[in-house]
Amino acid sequence: MENGEWVGFNANSVFNDGLMVKLLVNDGQVQFKALPLDLREQDARVLNHGVPVSASPAIADRIVTRLNKISAPFNTRLVFNPVTYALTIEEA
């Protein structure tokens, strides 16, 4: 930290955000469930760095927003339901 701000590796949220995806196949239907993760790289307790926990709604939204931004060139959009953990991939 410098002047109260994170610097270097820990300063970039892309290294703090994670997504665990589970593929489910039921009666020929493919479904995805997703669990957004906070890797806690900015946690005040250094021993927590890299130890994942479920992401807060704000971090989950940041993850999905970033994934949609990088998916746009492929004409796809991700829709995440934080209640059911359903992750749907749609054509944009």
C-alpha atoms as a PDB file:
ATOM      1  CA  MET A   1       0.000   0.000   0.000  1.00  0.00           C
ATOM      2  CA  GLU A   2       1.079   3.528  -0.751  1.00  0.00           C
ATOM      3  CA  ASN A   3      -0.801   6.523   0.593  1.00  0.00           C
ATOM      4  CA  GLY A   4      -3.690   4.241   1.619  1.00  0.00           C
ATOM      5  CA  GLU A   5      -4.095   2.832  -1.914  1.00  0.00           C
ATOM      6  CA  TRP A   6      -3.326  -0.688  -3.138  1.00  0.00           C
ATOM      7  CA  VAL A   7      -0.477  -0.885  -5.649  1.00  0.00           C
ATOM      8  CA  GLY A   8       0.907  -3.577  -7.905  1.00  0.00           C
ATOM      9  CA  PHE A   9      -0.760  -6.986  -8.169  1.00  0.00           C
ATOM     10  CA  ASN A  10      -3.309  -6.300  -5.417  1.00  0.00           C
ATOM     11  CA  ALA A  11      -4.431  -3.025  -7.014  1.00  0.00           C
ATOM     12  CA  ASN A  12      -6.048  -4.717 -10.024  1.00  0.00           C
ATOM     13  CA  SER A  13      -9.471  -6.184  -9.173  1.00  0.00           C
ATOM     14  CA  VAL A  14      -9.146  -8.760 -11.956  1.00  0.00           C
ATOM     15  CA  PHE A  15      -6.791 -10.679  -9.656  1.00  0.00           C
ATOM     16  CA  ASN A  16      -9.278 -10.476  -6.789  1.00  0.00           C
ATOM     17  CA  ASP A  17     -12.312 -11.810  -8.643  1.00  0.00           C
ATOM     18  CA  GLY A  18     -13.056 -15.437  -9.399  1.00  0.00           C
ATOM     19  CA  LEU A  19     -15.873 -17.577 -10.711  1.00  0.00           C
ATOM     20  CA  MET A  20     -16.422 -21.265 -10.057  1.00  0.00           C
ATOM     21  CA  VAL A  21     -18.686 -22.811 -12.696  1.00  0.00           C
ATOM     22  CA  LYS A  22     -20.464 -26.141 -12.480  1.00  0.00           C
ATOM     23  CA  LEU A  23     -21.826 -27.804 -15.610  1.00  0.00           C
ATOM     24  CA  LEU A  24     -25.039 -29.777 -15.135  1.00  0.00           C
ATOM     25  CA  VAL A  25     -26.626 -32.087 -17.701  1.00  0.00           C
ATOM     26  CA  ASN A  26     -30.200 -33.171 -16.946  1.00  0.00           C
ATOM     27  CA  ASP A  27     -32.272 -35.013 -19.548  1.00  0.00           C
ATOM     28  CA  GLY A  28     -30.096 -33.654 -22.332  1.00  0.00           C
ATOM     29  CA  GLN A  29     -30.389 -30.086 -21.064  1.00  0.00           C
ATOM     30  CA  VAL A  30     -27.122 -28.307 -20.338  1.00  0.00           C
ATOM     31  CA  GLN A  31     -27.183 -25.868 -17.435  1.00  0.00           C
ATOM     32  CA  PHE A  32     -24.531 -23.823 -15.695  1.00  0.00           C
ATOM     33  CA  LYS A  33     -24.397 -22.858 -12.040  1.00  0.00           C
ATOM     34  CA  ALA A  34     -21.870 -20.253 -10.987  1.00  0.00           C
ATOM     35  CA  LEU A  35     -20.431 -19.120  -7.692  1.00  0.00           C
ATOM     36  CA  PRO A  36     -18.714 -15.723  -7.849  1.00  0.00           C
ATOM     37  CA  LEU A  37     -15.669 -15.657  -5.604  1.00  0.00           C
ATOM     38  CA  ASP A  38     -13.746 -12.986  -3.750  1.00  0.00           C
ATOM     39  CA  LEU A  39     -10.096 -14.055  -3.557  1.00  0.00           C
ATOM     40  CA  ARG A  40      -9.485 -11.424  -0.872  1.00  0.00           C
ATOM     41  CA  GLU A  41      -6.257 -10.068  -2.353  1.00  0.00           C
ATOM     42  CA  GLN A  42      -7.042  -6.734  -0.712  1.00  0.00           C
ATOM     43  CA  ASP A  43      -7.881  -8.147   2.710  1.00  0.00           C
ATOM     44  CA  ALA A  44      -6.177  -6.383   5.586  1.00  0.00           C
ATOM     45  CA  ARG A  45      -5.092  -9.773   6.935  1.00  0.00           C
ATOM     46  CA  VAL A  46      -2.338 -11.004   4.601  1.00  0.00           C
ATOM     47  CA  LEU A  47      -3.000 -14.658   5.488  1.00  0.00           C
ATOM     48  CA  ASN A  48      -6.449 -14.315   3.864  1.00  0.00           C
ATOM     49  CA  HIS A  49      -4.988 -13.319   0.487  1.00  0.00           C
ATOM     50  CA  GLY A  50      -5.954 -15.880  -2.137  1.00  0.00           C
ATOM     51  CA  VAL A  51      -8.323 -17.791   0.142  1.00  0.00           C
ATOM     52  CA  PRO A  52     -11.691 -17.651  -1.663  1.00  0.00           C
ATOM     53  CA  VAL A  53     -15.031 -16.786  -0.103  1.00  0.00           C
ATOM     54  CA  SER A  54     -18.416 -16.180  -1.732  1.00  0.00           C
ATOM     55  CA  ALA A  55     -18.415 -12.774  -3.366  1.00  0.00           C
ATOM     56  CA  SER A  56     -20.587  -9.948  -2.139  1.00  0.00           C
ATOM     57  CA  PRO A  57     -23.350  -8.805  -4.507  1.00  0.00           C
ATOM     58  CA  ALA A  58     -21.184  -5.845  -5.565  1.00  0.00           C
ATOM     59  CA  ILE A  59     -18.213  -8.064  -6.435  1.00  0.00           C
ATOM     60  CA  ALA A  60     -20.476 -10.590  -8.200  1.00  0.00           C
ATOM     61  CA  ASP A  61     -21.875  -7.758 -10.314  1.00  0.00           C
ATOM     62  CA  ARG A  62     -18.341  -6.551 -11.100  1.00  0.00           C
ATOM     63  CA  ILE A  63     -17.372 -10.078 -12.238  1.00  0.00           C
ATOM     64  CA  VAL A  64     -20.394 -10.468 -14.530  1.00  0.00           C
ATOM     65  CA  THR A  65     -19.934  -6.947 -15.917  1.00  0.00           C
ATOM     66  CA  ARG A  66     -16.297  -7.681 -16.765  1.00  0.00           C
ATOM     67  CA  LEU A  67     -17.166 -11.035 -18.364  1.00  0.00           C
ATOM     68  CA  ASN A  68     -19.851  -9.371 -20.475  1.00  0.00           C
ATOM     69  CA  LYS A  69     -17.385  -6.728 -21.621  1.00  0.00           C
ATOM     70  CA  ILE A  70     -14.856  -9.325 -22.796  1.00  0.00           C
ATOM     71  CA  SER A  71     -17.621 -11.541 -24.260  1.00  0.00           C
ATOM     72  CA  ALA A  72     -19.083  -8.759 -26.420  1.00  0.00           C
ATOM     73  CA  PRO A  73     -16.769  -9.414 -29.416  1.00  0.00           C
ATOM     74  CA  PHE A  74     -18.178 -12.962 -29.505  1.00  0.00           C
ATOM     75  CA  ASN A  75     -21.779 -11.672 -29.536  1.00  0.00           C
ATOM     76  CA  THR A  76     -22.518 -13.349 -26.227  1.00  0.00           C
ATOM     77  CA  ARG A  77     -23.879 -12.067 -22.953  1.00  0.00           C
ATOM     78  CA  LEU A  78     -23.858 -13.713 -19.529  1.00  0.00           C
ATOM     79  CA  VAL A  79     -26.854 -13.448 -17.233  1.00  0.00           C
ATOM     80  CA  PHE A  80     -26.297 -14.435 -13.614  1.00  0.00           C
ATOM     81  CA  ASN A  81     -29.126 -15.054 -11.164  1.00  0.00           C
ATOM     82  CA  PRO A  82     -27.701 -14.526  -7.651  1.00  0.00           C
ATOM     83  CA  VAL A  83     -30.642 -16.346  -6.032  1.00  0.00           C
ATOM     84  CA  THR A  84     -30.456 -19.603  -8.004  1.00  0.00           C
ATOM     85  CA  TYR A  85     -26.778 -19.272  -9.057  1.00  0.00           C
ATOM     86  CA  ALA A  86     -27.934 -19.974 -12.626  1.00  0.00           C
ATOM     87  CA  LEU A  87     -25.575 -18.686 -15.297  1.00  0.00           C
ATOM     88  CA  THR A  88     -27.081 -18.320 -18.732  1.00  0.00           C
ATOM     89  CA  ILE A  89     -25.144 -17.596 -21.909  1.00  0.00           C
ATOM     90  CA  GLU A  90     -27.197 -15.702 -24.448  1.00  0.00           C
ATOM     91  CA  GLU A  91     -26.625 -14.324 -27.904  1.00  0.00           C
ATOM     92  CA  ALA A  92     -26.115 -10.573 -27.633  1.00  0.00           C
END
